[in-house]
Protein backbone atom coordinates (compact mmCIF):
# COMPACT_ATOMS: atom_id res chain seq x y z
CA MET A 1 59.12 60.09 78.82
CA THR A 2 56.80 57.62 81.19
CA LYS A 3 57.55 54.84 82.66
CA HIS A 4 54.99 52.60 80.62
CA GLN A 5 56.03 54.45 77.59
CA TYR A 6 59.88 53.29 78.17
CA TYR A 7 59.06 49.98 78.41
CA TYR A 8 56.17 49.28 75.87
CA LYS A 9 56.99 46.80 73.67
CA PRO A 10 54.65 46.75 70.28
CA LYS A 11 53.12 43.27 69.40
CA ASN A 12 52.68 42.06 65.97
CA GLY A 13 49.11 40.92 64.54
CA LYS A 14 45.66 42.87 64.77
CA ARG A 15 44.99 45.43 67.79
CA GLY A 16 41.65 43.96 70.61
CA ARG A 17 40.25 40.67 71.38
CA LYS A 18 40.92 37.33 68.64
CA LYS A 19 37.88 36.74 67.08
CA THR A 20 36.19 33.51 68.98
CA THR A 21 35.81 30.16 66.60
CA THR A 22 32.53 28.75 68.85
CA VAL A 23 29.14 29.84 69.62
CA THR A 24 27.56 28.64 72.96
CA THR A 25 23.94 27.39 72.24
CA THR A 26 21.56 25.98 74.42
CA CYS A 27 22.81 22.66 73.48
CA GLY A 28 26.10 23.29 74.46
CA VAL A 29 28.98 24.93 72.87
CA VAL A 30 29.50 24.57 68.74
CA ASP A 31 32.32 25.88 66.33
CA ASN A 32 31.52 28.81 63.65
CA ASP A 33 30.98 25.99 60.45
CA VAL A 34 27.72 24.84 62.46
CA VAL A 35 26.41 28.34 62.85
CA VAL A 36 27.15 29.49 58.88
CA SER A 37 25.68 25.91 57.38
CA GLU A 38 22.82 27.13 59.46
CA ILE A 39 22.76 30.38 57.73
CA GLU A 40 22.94 29.00 54.45
CA LYS A 41 19.79 26.61 55.89
CA ILE A 42 18.15 29.43 56.43
CA GLN A 43 18.93 31.50 53.08
CA SER A 44 17.83 28.85 50.95
CA ASP A 45 14.64 29.58 50.82
CA PRO A 46 13.80 32.64 49.49
CA ASP A 47 10.93 33.95 52.09
CA THR A 48 13.39 33.91 54.44
CA ASN A 49 17.07 35.38 52.86
CA TYR A 50 17.02 37.87 55.63
CA GLY A 51 20.27 40.39 55.87
CA TYR A 52 22.71 40.04 58.91
CA THR A 53 20.13 41.86 61.39
CA LYS A 54 17.48 39.47 60.87
CA MET A 55 19.36 36.56 60.84
CA THR A 56 20.16 37.24 63.64
CA PHE A 57 17.06 37.02 65.58
CA GLU A 58 16.17 33.96 63.57
CA LEU A 59 19.44 32.54 65.24
CA LYS A 60 18.41 33.81 68.72
CA THR A 61 15.41 32.06 68.89
CA ARG A 62 16.95 28.47 67.23
CA GLY A 63 19.19 28.37 70.88
CA PHE A 64 22.34 30.64 69.70
CA TYR A 65 23.70 33.17 71.90
CA ILE A 66 25.01 35.21 69.40
CA ASN A 67 24.95 39.05 68.66
CA LYS A 68 25.00 40.87 65.01
CA LYS A 69 28.79 41.84 65.47
CA LYS A 70 29.53 38.15 65.17
CA VAL A 71 26.57 37.01 62.96
CA TYR A 72 27.97 40.06 60.12
CA SER A 73 31.44 39.16 60.74
CA LEU A 74 30.48 35.02 59.58
CA MET A 75 28.32 36.15 56.92
CA LYS A 76 30.87 38.51 55.39
CA ALA A 77 33.38 36.22 55.61
CA ASN A 78 31.57 33.24 53.92
CA GLY A 79 30.00 35.76 51.00
CA LEU A 80 26.39 35.62 52.50
CA LEU A 81 25.89 39.25 52.84
CA LYS A 82 22.87 40.69 50.84
CA ALA A 83 23.32 43.58 48.87
CA LYS A 84 22.33 46.75 50.19
CA ASN A 85 19.38 48.83 49.10
CA LYS A 86 19.92 50.89 46.41
CA THR A 87 18.41 54.34 46.85
CA THR A 88 18.26 57.27 44.49
CA PRO A 89 19.94 59.87 45.02
CA LYS A 90 18.74 63.47 45.72
CA ASN A 91 19.99 66.74 45.77
CA TYR A 92 19.63 68.89 48.71
CA ALA A 93 18.44 72.52 48.56
CA LYS A 94 21.88 75.25 49.23
CA TYR A 95 19.98 77.65 50.02
CA ARG A 96 16.92 78.30 51.92
CA LYS A 97 16.29 82.00 50.30
CA ILE A 98 16.37 81.63 46.58
CA LEU A 99 16.64 84.60 44.01
CA PRO A 100 15.14 83.72 40.55
CA GLU A 101 16.69 86.49 37.93
CA LYS A 102 13.68 86.06 35.85
CA PRO A 103 10.07 84.25 34.83
CA LEU A 104 10.28 80.32 34.83
CA GLU A 105 13.60 79.88 36.27
CA ILE A 106 12.90 78.08 39.79
CA LEU A 107 9.31 76.43 40.27
CA GLU A 108 7.78 74.96 43.22
CA MET A 109 5.18 72.39 43.90
CA ASP A 110 3.66 70.75 46.84
CA ILE A 111 -0.04 69.22 47.87
CA LYS A 112 -2.71 70.24 50.01
CA PHE A 113 -5.52 68.46 51.34
CA VAL A 114 -9.38 69.06 51.88
CA TRP A 115 -11.65 67.01 53.53
CA ILE A 116 -14.66 66.09 51.66
CA GLU A 117 -18.01 65.23 53.80
CA GLU A 118 -19.41 62.61 51.25
CA TYR A 119 -16.52 60.34 51.07
CA LYS A 120 -14.77 60.62 54.58
CA ARG A 121 -11.55 61.12 53.27
CA HIS A 122 -9.31 63.92 52.04
CA ALA A 123 -8.82 65.23 48.49
CA ALA A 124 -5.44 66.14 47.58
CA ILE A 125 -4.54 69.43 45.51
CA LEU A 126 -1.05 69.50 44.01
CA THR A 127 0.14 73.11 42.63
CA ILE A 128 2.63 74.27 40.75
CA ILE A 129 4.08 78.15 41.10
CA ASP A 130 6.54 80.20 39.82
CA THR A 131 8.59 81.48 42.21
CA PHE A 132 9.15 84.76 40.27
CA THR A 133 5.66 86.05 39.66
CA ARG A 134 4.07 83.98 42.34
CA TYR A 135 1.90 82.96 39.33
CA VAL A 136 0.28 79.59 39.59
CA LEU A 137 1.32 77.78 36.51
CA TYR A 138 -0.93 74.67 37.06
CA TYR A 139 -3.31 73.07 39.84
CA TYR A 140 -4.75 69.69 40.04
CA VAL A 141 -7.43 67.82 42.47
CA SER A 142 -7.67 64.50 43.24
CA PHE A 143 -8.82 61.88 45.71
CA SER A 144 -5.61 60.08 44.87
CA ILE A 145 -2.65 61.71 43.32
CA LYS A 146 0.40 59.42 42.31
CA LYS A 147 3.86 59.95 40.64
CA HIS A 148 1.99 59.06 36.99
CA ASP A 149 -0.09 61.76 37.98
CA VAL A 150 2.71 64.23 38.93
CA LYS A 151 4.16 63.33 35.38
CA LYS A 152 1.42 64.57 33.69
CA CYS A 153 1.23 67.74 35.42
CA TRP A 154 4.90 68.61 34.36
CA GLU A 155 4.11 67.40 31.03
CA TYR A 156 1.39 70.10 30.58
CA VAL A 157 3.68 72.41 32.40
CA ILE A 158 6.75 71.87 29.79
CA ILE A 159 4.63 72.00 26.56
CA ASN A 160 2.46 74.99 27.53
CA HIS A 161 4.58 77.08 29.55
CA LEU A 162 8.49 76.56 29.22
CA GLN A 163 8.45 75.44 26.02
CA GLY A 164 6.20 78.97 24.87
CA TYR A 165 8.67 81.15 26.96
CA VAL A 166 12.15 80.06 26.43
CA ASN A 167 13.40 81.18 23.26
CA PRO A 168 14.93 78.93 20.57
CA GLY A 169 18.94 78.67 21.17
CA GLU A 170 18.23 81.03 25.07
CA SER A 171 20.58 79.20 27.92
CA ILE A 172 18.34 78.83 31.11
CA HIS A 173 18.49 76.88 33.75
CA ILE A 174 15.47 75.38 35.38
CA GLU A 175 15.07 74.58 38.74
CA VAL A 176 12.07 72.26 40.57
CA ARG A 177 11.65 72.78 44.39
CA ASN A 178 9.68 70.03 46.61
CA ASP A 179 9.58 68.39 49.67
CA ASN A 180 10.60 64.91 50.34
CA ASP A 181 7.00 63.44 49.03
CA LYS A 182 7.25 60.01 48.14
CA ARG A 183 5.25 60.73 44.81
CA PHE A 184 8.05 63.55 43.89
CA SER A 185 11.14 61.44 44.90
CA ALA A 186 9.99 58.35 42.94
CA LYS A 187 12.35 57.29 39.87
CA LEU A 188 9.72 57.71 37.20
CA VAL A 189 9.96 61.37 38.39
CA GLN A 190 13.14 62.11 38.89
CA GLU A 191 13.96 60.77 35.46
CA TYR A 192 11.37 62.47 33.46
CA PHE A 193 12.93 65.96 35.01
CA ALA A 194 16.58 64.59 33.98
CA GLU A 195 14.98 63.57 30.80
CA ASN A 196 13.77 67.68 30.12
CA PHE A 197 16.63 68.86 31.76
CA LEU A 198 14.92 70.34 34.50
CA ASN A 199 17.07 70.32 37.41
CA GLN A 200 15.00 68.87 40.47
CA VAL A 201 16.10 70.09 43.94
CA PHE A 202 14.72 68.53 47.34
CA THR A 203 14.05 70.66 50.79
CA HIS A 204 15.96 69.28 53.96
CA PRO A 205 13.34 67.70 56.62
CA TYR A 206 11.58 69.99 58.78
CA THR A 207 12.80 73.13 56.62
CA PRO A 208 9.56 74.33 54.74
CA GLN A 209 11.74 78.11 54.55
CA GLU A 210 13.26 76.35 51.28
CA ASN A 211 10.12 75.73 49.59
CA GLY A 212 8.75 79.07 51.33
CA HIS A 213 6.98 80.59 47.69
CA ILE A 214 4.50 77.61 47.51
CA GLU A 215 4.10 77.40 51.68
CA SER A 216 2.94 80.82 51.84
CA PHE A 217 0.67 80.24 48.56
CA HIS A 218 -1.27 77.29 50.67
CA ALA A 219 -1.33 79.58 53.77
CA ILE A 220 -3.59 81.71 51.71
CA LEU A 221 -5.13 78.55 49.91
CA SER A 222 -5.82 77.33 53.90
CA GLU A 223 -7.76 80.83 54.72
CA HIS A 224 -9.90 80.28 51.97
CA LEU A 225 -10.99 76.82 52.06
CA ASN A 226 -11.29 77.44 56.06
CA ARG A 227 -14.29 78.74 55.25
CA PHE A 228 -16.11 76.31 53.43
CA ASN A 229 -17.80 72.79 54.09
CA PHE A 230 -17.14 70.45 51.07
CA TRP A 231 -19.73 67.54 50.95
CA SER A 232 -18.55 66.64 47.45
CA ILE A 233 -15.31 67.14 45.15
CA GLN A 234 -17.50 68.11 42.35
CA GLU A 235 -17.65 71.59 44.64
CA LEU A 236 -13.96 71.77 45.55
CA MET A 237 -13.29 71.84 41.91
CA GLN A 238 -15.59 74.76 41.38
CA ASN A 239 -14.51 76.64 43.93
CA LEU A 240 -10.81 75.96 43.22
CA GLU A 241 -11.37 77.49 39.84
CA LEU A 242 -12.45 80.54 41.11
CA PHE A 243 -10.20 80.78 43.40
CA TYR A 244 -7.13 80.51 41.51
CA GLU A 245 -8.75 82.52 38.78
CA LYS A 246 -8.86 85.34 41.31
CA TYR A 247 -5.26 84.77 42.92
CA ASN A 248 -3.44 84.93 39.78
CA ASN A 249 -5.49 87.80 37.89
CA LYS A 250 -7.31 90.20 40.97
CA ARG A 251 -5.49 89.26 43.81
CA ILE A 252 -2.06 91.82 45.00
CA HIS A 253 0.77 90.65 46.13
CA SER A 254 3.01 93.42 48.26
CA SER A 255 6.22 91.09 47.33
CA ILE A 256 5.71 91.74 43.99
CA ALA A 257 5.23 95.15 43.50
CA TYR A 258 1.84 95.61 45.15
CA LEU A 259 0.87 93.70 41.31
CA THR A 260 -1.39 90.65 40.14
CA PRO A 261 0.71 87.82 38.91
CA CYS A 262 -0.77 88.24 35.52
CA ASP A 263 -0.36 92.09 36.04
CA PHE A 264 3.52 91.26 36.43
CA TRP A 265 4.30 88.97 34.81
CA ASN A 266 2.75 90.74 31.64
CA LEU A 267 4.62 94.27 32.74
CA TRP A 268 7.63 92.28 33.17
CA ASP A 269 7.96 90.97 29.61
CA LYS A 270 7.43 94.56 28.30
CA ASN A 271 10.87 95.73 30.80
CA LEU A 272 8.47 97.98 32.72
CA ILE A 273 10.07 96.13 36.34
CA GLU A 274 12.30 97.17 37.79
CA LYS A 275 14.22 94.61 40.34
CA ILE A 276 16.85 95.27 43.42
CA THR A 277 18.75 92.48 44.43
CA ASN A 278 20.52 92.21 47.37
CA TYR A 279 22.93 89.49 47.19
CA LYS A 280 24.50 89.31 51.07
CA MET A 281 20.93 89.84 52.55
CA ARG A 282 19.24 87.46 49.43
CA LYS A 283 16.43 89.46 49.32
CA THR A 284 14.78 91.13 45.66
CA LYS A 285 12.50 94.08 45.70
CA PHE A 286 10.62 95.12 42.14
CA LYS A 287 9.61 98.42 41.34
CA LEU A 288 7.39 99.71 38.95
CA LYS A 289 8.59 101.65 36.16
CA ILE A 290 5.29 103.41 35.28
CA ASP A 291 2.09 105.07 37.36
CA TYR A 292 -0.02 102.65 39.11
CA GLN A 293 -2.79 104.34 37.13
CA GLU A 294 -1.32 103.29 33.81
CA VAL A 295 -0.71 99.36 34.73
CA LYS A 296 -4.31 98.22 33.20
CA LYS A 297 -3.30 100.61 29.57
CA HIS A 298 -0.29 98.40 29.25
CA THR A 299 -1.82 95.07 30.45
CA GLY A 300 -5.73 95.22 28.87
CA ASN A 301 -8.83 94.01 30.69
CA ASN A 302 -6.67 90.28 30.51
CA GLU A 303 -9.75 87.94 29.37
CA PRO A 304 -8.13 84.61 29.63
CA GLU A 305 -8.28 82.36 26.87
CA VAL A 306 -9.42 79.01 28.14
CA ALA A 307 -9.88 75.36 26.87
CA SER A 308 -12.66 73.32 27.66
CA LEU A 309 -13.66 71.30 31.37
CA HIS A 310 -14.42 68.30 28.91
CA ASN A 311 -10.80 67.91 27.28
CA LYS A 312 -8.15 66.11 29.01
CA SER A 313 -6.08 65.60 25.28
CA HIS A 314 -3.61 67.62 27.43
CA LEU A 315 -2.91 64.82 30.15
CA LYS A 316 -1.63 62.69 27.17
CA GLY A 317 0.94 65.26 25.87
CA ALA A 318 -1.04 66.97 23.07
CA PRO A 319 -1.67 70.64 22.92
CA LEU A 320 -5.09 72.16 24.34
CA ILE A 321 -7.60 73.60 21.59
CA ARG A 322 -7.97 76.91 22.78
CA GLN A 323 -11.41 78.85 22.36
CA LYS A 324 -12.13 81.80 23.88
CA GLU A 325 -14.38 82.30 26.87
CA LYS A 326 -15.11 84.34 30.11
CA VAL A 327 -13.88 82.36 33.30
CA SER A 328 -16.82 80.54 34.96
CA ALA A 329 -17.41 77.21 36.93
CA ASP A 330 -17.59 75.97 33.76
CA SER A 331 -13.91 76.46 32.28
CA THR A 332 -10.81 74.72 33.26
CA LEU A 333 -6.64 74.07 32.19
CA ASN A 334 -6.07 77.88 30.06
CA ILE A 335 -3.19 78.39 27.89
CA ARG A 336 -0.44 80.78 28.58
CA SER A 337 1.63 82.28 26.15
CA LYS A 338 4.60 84.84 26.34
CA LYS A 339 2.91 87.80 25.55
CA SER A 340 -0.28 87.16 27.37
CA PRO A 341 -0.22 85.19 30.70
CA SER A 342 -3.91 83.97 31.51
CA VAL A 343 -4.55 81.51 34.30
CA VAL A 344 -4.35 77.65 35.03
CA HIS A 345 -7.39 75.54 35.31
CA CYS A 346 -7.09 71.37 36.19
CA ASP A 347 -9.63 69.06 36.11
CA ALA A 348 -9.74 66.23 38.68
CA ASN A 349 -9.61 62.51 38.44
CA ILE A 350 -12.04 61.43 40.61
């Protein structure tokens, strides 16, 4: 035992220095009650009803030599502290590499910006993609995308994809991944997902790997768009309409057995795709059970059913009027059924 331990005698009361009862000002020393009265006077005006941090600087400009700790202590003791701002809690991603077991189990969305020369500003493209099939379920183009637009986009996905694909009584966990964009984390959007039993998951800051499928799609989209200069948003819309149709129905992907998203989804529903999952490495591979020469035999010509460009009833939650026609720059918003996936196009809000 050391000497100071042997002779140490504990003292009563709290540790540390005692709280001061006075405050120094440019005119002299005043009691704490004077400071409290000044704080109450400042807070009596709704426009200057500050918290303890701003109140500290306000008192300093009025001649008080005081720090934040002292102001916080006085305001807490007298019940003058403001309530903390409530933030909507977020559910963050647990895994960077996701392993969906079936279509429409894990969906991702993100926004990309494209420069428009006519108005010297960027247009925004919101894309919603299925991570299992790499199929684009919906896209939306506009100069400005608000939280209400995000909700309307998901209304279409729920009505025309999720409700049609999930069988009655079937239990399925649907996860929606997105970054921390204010439009995605808005209370309106989070409550809408909760009401429709969709589990919204946010990626951690500076980790695009957790939203890798949509980021990979944006790389493909950027490579395509970099070849063009767009004067108007109408030119961009026409270009995107053909691109999304080609992406879903013509462009093959190495990650889905070198098939197009549309063919892959069709063949998966027919149990012609074998899934091999390495849970330790969190990797999934797909193998075709038939010869590639027989793919078209099982998928057909894949002519999509599309809706009229002028039909905007889906934005109000009403089902689309279906009509059969070939995809061109004049067509938009195709409906996908469980048996035959089709390309999805969206009109723009100019």
